[in-house]
Amino acid sequence: MVGDLGAAVGAGVYNVYTGELGGTSVPTAAQLGLEPPRFCAACGRRMVVQVRPDGWRARCSRHGEVDSGDLETQR
């Protein structure tokens, strides 16, 4: 299920940093790559986020898990 949420983070309906509908501004820390996503891009729910030295992992209760390492391949 990781791939499903990874695609949503890249092109979601909701802003993954604020939880608001897409098209809203992205916080400065997020623009610099210092902030992991906090909200699910598919449904806008708050995700459980674990920050590690080598990246982060975020889990939505409805849509599964995404890892920062998985998104690096999409860049």
Protein backbone atom coordinates (compact mmCIF):
# COMPACT_ATOMS: atom_id res chain seq x y z
CA MET A 1 0.00 0.00 0.00
CA VAL A 2 3.03 2.30 0.23
CA GLY A 3 2.97 3.08 -3.48
CA ASP A 4 -0.66 4.23 -3.39
CA LEU A 5 -0.07 6.91 -0.78
CA GLY A 6 3.25 7.91 -2.34
CA ALA A 7 1.47 8.87 -5.55
CA ALA A 8 -1.13 10.80 -3.58
CA VAL A 9 1.54 12.77 -1.71
CA GLY A 10 3.04 13.80 -5.02
CA ALA A 11 -0.23 14.97 -6.59
CA GLY A 12 -2.82 15.10 -3.82
CA VAL A 13 -6.12 16.86 -3.39
CA TYR A 14 -5.11 18.11 0.08
CA ASN A 15 -2.02 20.05 1.12
CA VAL A 16 0.16 17.54 3.00
CA TYR A 17 1.57 20.26 5.29
CA THR A 18 -1.63 22.09 6.29
CA GLY A 19 -4.47 19.62 5.62
CA GLU A 20 -6.38 22.22 3.60
CA LEU A 21 -7.63 21.68 0.07
CA GLY A 22 -4.92 21.80 -2.60
CA GLY A 23 -3.71 25.10 -3.99
CA THR A 24 -2.86 26.59 -0.60
CA SER A 25 0.57 27.97 0.16
CA VAL A 26 3.35 25.66 1.32
CA PRO A 27 5.14 26.64 4.56
CA THR A 28 8.74 27.86 4.17
CA ALA A 29 10.22 24.94 6.14
CA ALA A 30 8.43 22.52 3.82
CA GLN A 31 9.72 24.36 0.74
CA LEU A 32 13.25 23.90 2.07
CA GLY A 33 12.63 20.17 2.56
CA LEU A 34 12.91 20.39 6.35
CA GLU A 35 9.35 19.34 7.17
CA PRO A 36 7.76 15.92 6.54
CA PRO A 37 4.12 15.74 5.40
CA ARG A 38 1.69 15.81 8.33
CA PHE A 39 -1.64 15.29 6.54
CA CYS A 40 -2.81 12.68 4.03
CA ALA A 41 -2.95 14.08 0.50
CA ALA A 42 -5.85 11.78 -0.41
CA CYS A 43 -8.21 12.49 2.52
CA GLY A 44 -6.74 15.35 4.58
CA ARG A 45 -6.54 13.29 7.79
CA ARG A 46 -3.67 13.83 10.23
CA MET A 47 -0.98 11.16 9.76
CA VAL A 48 1.29 9.48 12.29
CA VAL A 49 4.80 10.66 11.35
CA GLN A 50 8.11 9.20 12.47
CA VAL A 51 11.22 11.26 11.71
CA ARG A 52 14.46 9.28 11.38
CA PRO A 53 18.05 10.43 10.78
CA ASP A 54 17.81 9.25 7.16
CA GLY A 55 14.28 10.52 6.39
CA TRP A 56 10.73 10.04 7.61
CA ARG A 57 7.78 7.64 7.50
CA ALA A 58 4.12 8.74 7.58
CA ARG A 59 1.04 6.54 8.03
CA CYS A 60 -2.59 7.39 7.26
CA SER A 61 -5.19 5.27 9.04
CA ARG A 62 -7.15 4.95 5.77
CA HIS A 63 -4.54 4.94 3.00
CA GLY A 64 -1.47 3.25 4.44
CA GLU A 65 2.15 4.26 4.72
CA VAL A 66 4.63 6.31 2.72
CA ASP A 67 8.39 6.59 3.27
CA SER A 68 10.65 9.43 2.18
CA GLY A 69 12.92 6.89 0.50
CA ASP A 70 10.05 5.82 -1.75
CA LEU A 71 9.48 9.40 -2.89
CA GLU A 72 13.14 9.88 -3.85
CA THR A 73 12.63 7.50 -6.77
CA GLN A 74 9.79 9.71 -8.09
CA ARG A 75 11.93 12.88 -8.28
